[in-house]
Amino acid sequence: MTPSPPHAPIPEPWDLWLDENHEPAWNMAADEVLLTRAAARGRPLLRFYGWDRPAVTIGYVQNHDAAPAAGYTVIRRPTGGGVVFHDHDITYTAVFPPGHWLTRLDRMESYATVNRAVAAGLARIRIGAALANAEISGHVDRGRMVCFTNPTRYDLLQGERKIAGSAQRRTRQGILHQGSIVLPPGTAPDRMLVTDAIAAGFQTVLGAHFQPFQPETAFTGAAEERAQTVYRTEAWNRRR
């Protein structure tokens, strides 16, 4: 049975960051800084962003050589999961501060809840998706697995094809939920149309009442410092 939120969605303030294309390392650094500052913001945030070059992100514990290097910038995420190609996907991040009701759900229930919001958004643009029920086979090498060829429970499927996956990092600072959506072949709606639809899904399922978010200079400086000291380094990206 698919988990449901612990209560009917009650409108609550969220920040909405319609970000631009950035360098892969900066994208990951910005997400981590969003998590470290979640408690200070005191409310959830939804970020949509893009990539300024073809990129591949690998999960926190994956082997660096799991991703093909030719033609792609390879960056290790602060979250788990498998290899994700960022050349044609739509990428989003949801960040929840400590004490938010979603942080009291277990990891799988929170995946299901967020992905229900994504599915509701896709339905608005006539893209049907259902939550997957099966777990990843124990025979799959998680250190090298490719995310979109290995659906797991509560990913979004269209038929047997995975079209949306996600990964989380949970700390005392809150939850960082990173997601990627790959639209079905032959589907090429305007990117802004898709992001508007997904945001509407978060409104319907999670009660998000959005206010525009613009990062301050202190935030962008912190993200740049984190990108420089961690996400651009060989020590981070080749740690396995």
C-alpha atoms as a PDB file:
ATOM      1  CA  MET A   1       0.000   0.000   0.000  1.00  0.00           C
ATOM      2  CA  THR A   2       1.293   3.458  -0.888  1.00  0.00           C
ATOM      3  CA  PRO A   3       1.859   5.662   2.170  1.00  0.00           C
ATOM      4  CA  SER A   4      -0.225   8.815   2.538  1.00  0.00           C
ATOM      5  CA  PRO A   5       0.694  12.099   4.217  1.00  0.00           C
ATOM      6  CA  PRO A   6      -0.113  12.124   7.936  1.00  0.00           C
ATOM      7  CA  HIS A   7      -2.869  14.693   7.395  1.00  0.00           C
ATOM      8  CA  ALA A   8      -4.729  16.464   4.634  1.00  0.00           C
ATOM      9  CA  PRO A   9      -2.476  19.127   3.120  1.00  0.00           C
ATOM     10  CA  ILE A  10      -2.813  22.397   4.993  1.00  0.00           C
ATOM     11  CA  PRO A  11      -1.519  25.476   3.158  1.00  0.00           C
ATOM     12  CA  GLU A  12       1.922  26.355   4.479  1.00  0.00           C
ATOM     13  CA  PRO A  13       4.558  28.838   3.293  1.00  0.00           C
ATOM     14  CA  TRP A  14       7.255  27.520   0.997  1.00  0.00           C
ATOM     15  CA  ASP A  15      10.073  29.232  -0.859  1.00  0.00           C
ATOM     16  CA  LEU A  16      10.202  28.693  -4.635  1.00  0.00           C
ATOM     17  CA  TRP A  17      13.543  29.185  -6.367  1.00  0.00           C
ATOM     18  CA  LEU A  18      13.307  29.191 -10.162  1.00  0.00           C
ATOM     19  CA  ASP A  19      17.048  29.017 -10.668  1.00  0.00           C
ATOM     20  CA  GLU A  20      19.124  29.132 -13.860  1.00  0.00           C
ATOM     21  CA  ASN A  21      21.727  26.854 -15.451  1.00  0.00           C
ATOM     22  CA  HIS A  22      24.908  26.487 -13.421  1.00  0.00           C
ATOM     23  CA  GLU A  23      28.167  24.595 -13.309  1.00  0.00           C
ATOM     24  CA  PRO A  24      27.602  21.073 -11.903  1.00  0.00           C
ATOM     25  CA  ALA A  25      29.805  21.608  -8.849  1.00  0.00           C
ATOM     26  CA  TRP A  26      27.959  24.822  -7.955  1.00  0.00           C
ATOM     27  CA  ASN A  27      24.597  23.099  -8.294  1.00  0.00           C
ATOM     28  CA  MET A  28      25.551  20.456  -5.745  1.00  0.00           C
ATOM     29  CA  ALA A  29      27.139  23.007  -3.435  1.00  0.00           C
ATOM     30  CA  ALA A  30      24.041  25.214  -3.548  1.00  0.00           C
ATOM     31  CA  ASP A  31      21.830  22.271  -2.587  1.00  0.00           C
ATOM     32  CA  GLU A  32      24.059  21.445   0.372  1.00  0.00           C
ATOM     33  CA  VAL A  33      24.044  25.058   1.571  1.00  0.00           C
ATOM     34  CA  LEU A  34      20.244  25.082   1.278  1.00  0.00           C
ATOM     35  CA  LEU A  35      20.204  22.139   3.689  1.00  0.00           C
ATOM     36  CA  THR A  36      22.612  23.735   6.164  1.00  0.00           C
ATOM     37  CA  ARG A  37      20.428  26.877   6.234  1.00  0.00           C
ATOM     38  CA  ALA A  38      17.052  25.121   6.287  1.00  0.00           C
ATOM     39  CA  ALA A  39      16.506  25.676  10.009  1.00  0.00           C
ATOM     40  CA  ALA A  40      17.250  29.388   9.689  1.00  0.00           C
ATOM     41  CA  ARG A  41      14.734  29.710   6.824  1.00  0.00           C
ATOM     42  CA  GLY A  42      12.204  27.787   8.883  1.00  0.00           C
ATOM     43  CA  ARG A  43      10.116  26.598   5.946  1.00  0.00           C
ATOM     44  CA  PRO A  44      10.457  24.204   3.010  1.00  0.00           C
ATOM     45  CA  LEU A  45      11.996  25.267  -0.289  1.00  0.00           C
ATOM     46  CA  LEU A  46      11.529  23.940  -3.827  1.00  0.00           C
ATOM     47  CA  ARG A  47      14.294  24.679  -6.329  1.00  0.00           C
ATOM     48  CA  PHE A  48      14.305  24.058 -10.091  1.00  0.00           C
ATOM     49  CA  TYR A  49      17.628  24.408 -11.867  1.00  0.00           C
ATOM     50  CA  GLY A  50      19.605  23.392 -14.943  1.00  0.00           C
ATOM     51  CA  TRP A  51      23.124  22.510 -16.062  1.00  0.00           C
ATOM     52  CA  ASP A  52      25.477  24.627 -18.138  1.00  0.00           C
ATOM     53  CA  ARG A  53      27.089  21.522 -19.691  1.00  0.00           C
ATOM     54  CA  PRO A  54      26.390  17.786 -20.041  1.00  0.00           C
ATOM     55  CA  ALA A  55      26.893  16.320 -16.571  1.00  0.00           C
ATOM     56  CA  VAL A  56      26.601  13.092 -14.641  1.00  0.00           C
ATOM     57  CA  THR A  57      26.048  12.939 -10.909  1.00  0.00           C
ATOM     58  CA  ILE A  58      26.940   9.859  -8.901  1.00  0.00           C
ATOM     59  CA  GLY A  59      25.549   8.856  -5.531  1.00  0.00           C
ATOM     60  CA  TYR A  60      27.404   9.661  -2.322  1.00  0.00           C
ATOM     61  CA  VAL A  61      28.769   6.119  -1.897  1.00  0.00           C
ATOM     62  CA  GLN A  62      29.175   5.179  -5.562  1.00  0.00           C
ATOM     63  CA  ASN A  63      32.392   4.429  -7.415  1.00  0.00           C
ATOM     64  CA  HIS A  64      33.630   7.321  -9.543  1.00  0.00           C
ATOM     65  CA  ASP A  65      34.206   5.050 -12.524  1.00  0.00           C
ATOM     66  CA  ALA A  66      30.521   4.031 -12.501  1.00  0.00           C
ATOM     67  CA  ALA A  67      29.869   7.083 -14.700  1.00  0.00           C
ATOM     68  CA  PRO A  68      31.218   7.529 -18.245  1.00  0.00           C
ATOM     69  CA  ALA A  69      33.632  10.454 -18.252  1.00  0.00           C
ATOM     70  CA  ALA A  70      33.794  11.115 -22.007  1.00  0.00           C
ATOM     71  CA  GLY A  71      31.832  14.256 -22.800  1.00  0.00           C
ATOM     72  CA  TYR A  72      30.438  14.656 -19.273  1.00  0.00           C
ATOM     73  CA  THR A  73      31.463  16.432 -16.107  1.00  0.00           C
ATOM     74  CA  VAL A  74      31.199  13.877 -13.283  1.00  0.00           C
ATOM     75  CA  ILE A  75      30.203  15.179  -9.839  1.00  0.00           C
ATOM     76  CA  ARG A  76      29.488  13.285  -6.629  1.00  0.00           C
ATOM     77  CA  ARG A  77      26.156  14.218  -5.029  1.00  0.00           C
ATOM     78  CA  PRO A  78      25.643  14.847  -1.318  1.00  0.00           C
ATOM     79  CA  THR A  79      22.752  12.325  -1.547  1.00  0.00           C
ATOM     80  CA  GLY A  80      22.659   8.611  -2.290  1.00  0.00           C
ATOM     81  CA  GLY A  81      21.186   6.780  -5.276  1.00  0.00           C
ATOM     82  CA  GLY A  82      22.635   5.852  -8.654  1.00  0.00           C
ATOM     83  CA  VAL A  83      24.214   7.451 -11.696  1.00  0.00           C
ATOM     84  CA  VAL A  84      22.053  10.231 -13.194  1.00  0.00           C
ATOM     85  CA  PHE A  85      22.629  11.874 -16.581  1.00  0.00           C
ATOM     86  CA  HIS A  86      21.828  15.578 -16.682  1.00  0.00           C
ATOM     87  CA  ASP A  87      21.682  16.294 -20.382  1.00  0.00           C
ATOM     88  CA  HIS A  88      17.925  16.171 -21.033  1.00  0.00           C
ATOM     89  CA  ASP A  89      16.381  15.938 -17.580  1.00  0.00           C
ATOM     90  CA  ILE A  90      14.496  18.403 -15.405  1.00  0.00           C
ATOM     91  CA  THR A  91      16.135  18.702 -12.011  1.00  0.00           C
ATOM     92  CA  TYR A  92      14.575  19.835  -8.761  1.00  0.00           C
ATOM     93  CA  THR A  93      15.458  19.959  -5.087  1.00  0.00           C
ATOM     94  CA  ALA A  94      13.119  20.046  -2.097  1.00  0.00           C
ATOM     95  CA  VAL A  95      14.537  21.005   1.302  1.00  0.00           C
ATOM     96  CA  PHE A  96      12.647  20.509   4.573  1.00  0.00           C
ATOM     97  CA  PRO A  97      13.692  22.145   7.858  1.00  0.00           C
ATOM     98  CA  PRO A  98      13.944  20.167  11.096  1.00  0.00           C
ATOM     99  CA  GLY A  99      10.557  19.773  12.759  1.00  0.00           C
ATOM    100  CA  HIS A 100       8.576  19.839   9.518  1.00  0.00           C
ATOM    101  CA  TRP A 101       5.936  17.086   9.479  1.00  0.00           C
ATOM    102  CA  LEU A 102       7.600  15.348   6.515  1.00  0.00           C
ATOM    103  CA  THR A 103      10.809  14.872   8.521  1.00  0.00           C
ATOM    104  CA  ARG A 104       8.810  12.697  10.932  1.00  0.00           C
ATOM    105  CA  LEU A 105       8.013  10.211   8.168  1.00  0.00           C
ATOM    106  CA  ASP A 106      10.440   7.390   7.565  1.00  0.00           C
ATOM    107  CA  ARG A 107      12.637   7.639   4.490  1.00  0.00           C
ATOM    108  CA  MET A 108      10.432   5.542   2.200  1.00  0.00           C
ATOM    109  CA  GLU A 109       7.207   7.290   3.234  1.00  0.00           C
ATOM    110  CA  SER A 110       8.821  10.654   2.539  1.00  0.00           C
ATOM    111  CA  TYR A 111       9.942   9.463  -0.915  1.00  0.00           C
ATOM    112  CA  ALA A 112       6.401   8.363  -1.678  1.00  0.00           C
ATOM    113  CA  THR A 113       4.915  11.644  -0.481  1.00  0.00           C
ATOM    114  CA  VAL A 114       7.232  13.865  -2.526  1.00  0.00           C
ATOM    115  CA  ASN A 115       6.881  11.671  -5.614  1.00  0.00           C
ATOM    116  CA  ARG A 116       3.095  11.787  -5.303  1.00  0.00           C
ATOM    117  CA  ALA A 117       3.444  15.565  -5.639  1.00  0.00           C
ATOM    118  CA  VAL A 118       5.604  15.150  -8.748  1.00  0.00           C
ATOM    119  CA  ALA A 119       3.090  12.681 -10.229  1.00  0.00           C
ATOM    120  CA  ALA A 120       0.233  15.113  -9.571  1.00  0.00           C
ATOM    121  CA  GLY A 121       2.176  17.794 -11.408  1.00  0.00           C
ATOM    122  CA  LEU A 122       2.927  15.571 -14.398  1.00  0.00           C
ATOM    123  CA  ALA A 123      -0.744  14.632 -14.594  1.00  0.00           C
ATOM    124  CA  ARG A 124      -1.540  18.320 -15.173  1.00  0.00           C
ATOM    125  CA  ILE A 125       0.374  18.142 -18.469  1.00  0.00           C
ATOM    126  CA  ARG A 126      -1.140  14.774 -19.400  1.00  0.00           C
ATOM    127  CA  ILE A 127       1.849  12.646 -18.434  1.00  0.00           C
ATOM    128  CA  GLY A 128       0.627   9.702 -16.402  1.00  0.00           C
ATOM    129  CA  ALA A 129       2.964   8.197 -13.819  1.00  0.00           C
ATOM    130  CA  ALA A 130       2.528   5.650 -11.036  1.00  0.00           C
ATOM    131  CA  LEU A 131       4.593   4.877  -7.958  1.00  0.00           C
ATOM    132  CA  ALA A 132       6.764   1.784  -8.361  1.00  0.00           C
ATOM    133  CA  ASN A 133       6.231  -1.061  -5.910  1.00  0.00           C
ATOM    134  CA  ALA A 134       9.278  -3.274  -6.428  1.00  0.00           C
ATOM    135  CA  GLU A 135      12.612  -2.895  -4.656  1.00  0.00           C
ATOM    136  CA  ILE A 136      15.959  -2.942  -6.481  1.00  0.00           C
ATOM    137  CA  SER A 137      17.172  -6.519  -6.852  1.00  0.00           C
ATOM    138  CA  GLY A 138      19.832  -7.589  -4.396  1.00  0.00           C
ATOM    139  CA  HIS A 139      21.958  -8.626  -7.380  1.00  0.00           C
ATOM    140  CA  VAL A 140      22.349  -5.017  -8.571  1.00  0.00           C
ATOM    141  CA  ASP A 141      25.746  -3.462  -7.799  1.00  0.00           C
ATOM    142  CA  ARG A 142      24.671  -0.241  -6.069  1.00  0.00           C
ATOM    143  CA  GLY A 143      28.180   1.135  -6.351  1.00  0.00           C
ATOM    144  CA  ARG A 144      27.781   1.266 -10.126  1.00  0.00           C
ATOM    145  CA  MET A 145      24.050   1.224 -10.828  1.00  0.00           C
ATOM    146  CA  VAL A 146      22.464   3.698 -13.238  1.00  0.00           C
ATOM    147  CA  CYS A 147      19.450   5.339 -11.625  1.00  0.00           C
ATOM    148  CA  PHE A 148      17.005   5.311 -14.535  1.00  0.00           C
ATOM    149  CA  THR A 149      17.651   1.685 -15.488  1.00  0.00           C
ATOM    150  CA  ASN A 150      17.039   0.414 -11.934  1.00  0.00           C
ATOM    151  CA  PRO A 151      13.654   1.531 -10.602  1.00  0.00           C
ATOM    152  CA  THR A 152      13.073   1.117  -6.895  1.00  0.00           C
ATOM    153  CA  ARG A 153      10.066   1.490  -4.628  1.00  0.00           C
ATOM    154  CA  TYR A 154       8.229   4.801  -5.028  1.00  0.00           C
ATOM    155  CA  ASP A 155      10.104   5.954  -8.118  1.00  0.00           C
ATOM    156  CA  LEU A 156       7.705   7.147 -10.827  1.00  0.00           C
ATOM    157  CA  LEU A 157       7.007   4.822 -13.731  1.00  0.00           C
ATOM    158  CA  GLN A 158       5.132   5.199 -17.002  1.00  0.00           C
ATOM    159  CA  GLY A 159       4.378   1.597 -17.805  1.00  0.00           C
ATOM    160  CA  GLU A 160       7.679  -0.124 -17.030  1.00  0.00           C
ATOM    161  CA  ARG A 161       9.793   2.907 -17.853  1.00  0.00           C
ATOM    162  CA  LYS A 162      11.176   5.007 -15.013  1.00  0.00           C
ATOM    163  CA  ILE A 163      10.616   8.720 -15.610  1.00  0.00           C
ATOM    164  CA  ALA A 164      11.443  10.214 -12.203  1.00  0.00           C
ATOM    165  CA  GLY A 165      13.789   9.261  -9.411  1.00  0.00           C
ATOM    166  CA  SER A 166      15.200  10.897  -6.313  1.00  0.00           C
ATOM    167  CA  ALA A 167      17.657  10.598  -3.449  1.00  0.00           C
ATOM    168  CA  GLN A 168      17.863  12.067   0.030  1.00  0.00           C
ATOM    169  CA  ARG A 169      20.244  13.216   2.680  1.00  0.00           C
ATOM    170  CA  ARG A 170      18.882  13.406   6.224  1.00  0.00           C
ATOM    171  CA  THR A 171      20.686  15.285   8.994  1.00  0.00           C
ATOM    172  CA  ARG A 172      19.781  17.218  12.136  1.00  0.00           C
ATOM    173  CA  GLN A 173      19.543  20.216   9.789  1.00  0.00           C
ATOM    174  CA  GLY A 174      16.602  18.702   7.901  1.00  0.00           C
ATOM    175  CA  ILE A 175      16.108  16.765   4.667  1.00  0.00           C
ATOM    176  CA  LEU A 176      17.672  17.400   1.265  1.00  0.00           C
ATOM    177  CA  HIS A 177      15.630  15.660  -1.455  1.00  0.00           C
ATOM    178  CA  GLN A 178      17.183  15.772  -4.956  1.00  0.00           C
ATOM    179  CA  GLY A 179      15.077  14.656  -7.916  1.00  0.00           C
ATOM    180  CA  SER A 180      15.414  14.151 -11.658  1.00  0.00           C
ATOM    181  CA  ILE A 181      12.616  13.851 -14.228  1.00  0.00           C
ATOM    182  CA  VAL A 182      13.157  12.425 -17.716  1.00  0.00           C
ATOM    183  CA  LEU A 183      10.084  12.947 -19.846  1.00  0.00           C
ATOM    184  CA  PRO A 184       8.837  10.110 -22.083  1.00  0.00           C
ATOM    185  CA  PRO A 185      10.154   9.938 -25.669  1.00  0.00           C
ATOM    186  CA  GLY A 186       8.248  12.249 -27.991  1.00  0.00           C
ATOM    187  CA  THR A 187       7.219  14.484 -25.102  1.00  0.00           C
ATOM    188  CA  ALA A 188       8.839  17.885 -25.347  1.00  0.00           C
ATOM    189  CA  PRO A 189       6.706  20.489 -23.576  1.00  0.00           C
ATOM    190  CA  ASP A 190       8.220  23.814 -22.640  1.00  0.00           C
ATOM    191  CA  ARG A 191      10.477  23.472 -19.587  1.00  0.00           C
ATOM    192  CA  MET A 192       8.707  26.294 -17.783  1.00  0.00           C
ATOM    193  CA  LEU A 193       5.384  24.566 -18.420  1.00  0.00           C
ATOM    194  CA  VAL A 194       6.768  21.454 -16.724  1.00  0.00           C
ATOM    195  CA  THR A 195       8.184  23.294 -13.721  1.00  0.00           C
ATOM    196  CA  ASP A 196       4.924  25.213 -13.267  1.00  0.00           C
ATOM    197  CA  ALA A 197       3.021  21.913 -13.351  1.00  0.00           C
ATOM    198  CA  ILE A 198       5.332  20.254 -10.814  1.00  0.00           C
ATOM    199  CA  ALA A 199       5.053  23.261  -8.500  1.00  0.00           C
ATOM    200  CA  ALA A 200       1.263  22.970  -8.767  1.00  0.00           C
ATOM    201  CA  GLY A 201       1.579  19.308  -7.781  1.00  0.00           C
ATOM    202  CA  PHE A 202       3.417  20.347  -4.614  1.00  0.00           C
ATOM    203  CA  GLN A 203       0.597  22.765  -3.885  1.00  0.00           C
ATOM    204  CA  THR A 204      -2.029  20.047  -4.300  1.00  0.00           C
ATOM    205  CA  VAL A 205      -0.317  17.233  -2.399  1.00  0.00           C
ATOM    206  CA  LEU A 206       1.831  19.053   0.158  1.00  0.00           C
ATOM    207  CA  GLY A 207      -0.104  22.274   0.629  1.00  0.00           C
ATOM    208  CA  ALA A 208       2.799  24.425  -0.556  1.00  0.00           C
ATOM    209  CA  HIS A 209       1.963  28.127  -0.719  1.00  0.00           C
ATOM    210  CA  PHE A 210       4.894  29.545  -2.656  1.00  0.00           C
ATOM    211  CA  GLN A 211       6.771  32.768  -2.225  1.00  0.00           C
ATOM    212  CA  PRO A 212       9.579  33.678  -4.641  1.00  0.00           C
ATOM    213  CA  PHE A 213      13.092  32.991  -3.342  1.00  0.00           C
ATOM    214  CA  GLN A 214      16.163  34.938  -4.396  1.00  0.00           C
ATOM    215  CA  PRO A 215      19.483  33.980  -2.794  1.00  0.00           C
ATOM    216  CA  GLU A 216      21.370  36.712  -1.005  1.00  0.00           C
ATOM    217  CA  THR A 217      25.037  37.467  -1.605  1.00  0.00           C
ATOM    218  CA  ALA A 218      25.973  35.601   1.560  1.00  0.00           C
ATOM    219  CA  PHE A 219      24.281  32.460   0.221  1.00  0.00           C
ATOM    220  CA  THR A 220      25.925  32.576  -3.210  1.00  0.00           C
ATOM    221  CA  GLY A 221      29.281  33.206  -1.550  1.00  0.00           C
ATOM    222  CA  ALA A 222      28.836  30.196   0.722  1.00  0.00           C
ATOM    223  CA  ALA A 223      27.825  28.026  -2.243  1.00  0.00           C
ATOM    224  CA  GLU A 224      30.859  29.166  -4.243  1.00  0.00           C
ATOM    225  CA  GLU A 225      33.164  28.425  -1.313  1.00  0.00           C
ATOM    226  CA  ARG A 226      31.656  24.953  -0.894  1.00  0.00           C
ATOM    227  CA  ALA A 227      31.960  24.284  -4.630  1.00  0.00           C
ATOM    228  CA  GLN A 228      35.615  25.338  -4.563  1.00  0.00           C
ATOM    229  CA  THR A 229      36.643  23.443  -1.441  1.00  0.00           C
ATOM    230  CA  VAL A 230      34.588  20.264  -1.995  1.00  0.00           C
ATOM    231  CA  TYR A 231      32.661  19.663  -5.199  1.00  0.00           C
ATOM    232  CA  ARG A 232      35.389  20.720  -7.651  1.00  0.00           C
ATOM    233  CA  THR A 233      38.027  18.630  -5.916  1.00  0.00           C
ATOM    234  CA  GLU A 234      39.386  15.253  -6.936  1.00  0.00           C
ATOM    235  CA  ALA A 235      39.367  14.254  -3.258  1.00  0.00           C
ATOM    236  CA  TRP A 236      35.564  14.519  -3.178  1.00  0.00           C
ATOM    237  CA  ASN A 237      34.671  13.257  -6.625  1.00  0.00           C
ATOM    238  CA  ARG A 238      37.135  10.315  -6.698  1.00  0.00           C
ATOM    239  CA  ARG A 239      36.827   9.322  -3.050  1.00  0.00           C
ATOM    240  CA  ARG A 240      35.732   5.827  -4.158  1.00  0.00           C
END
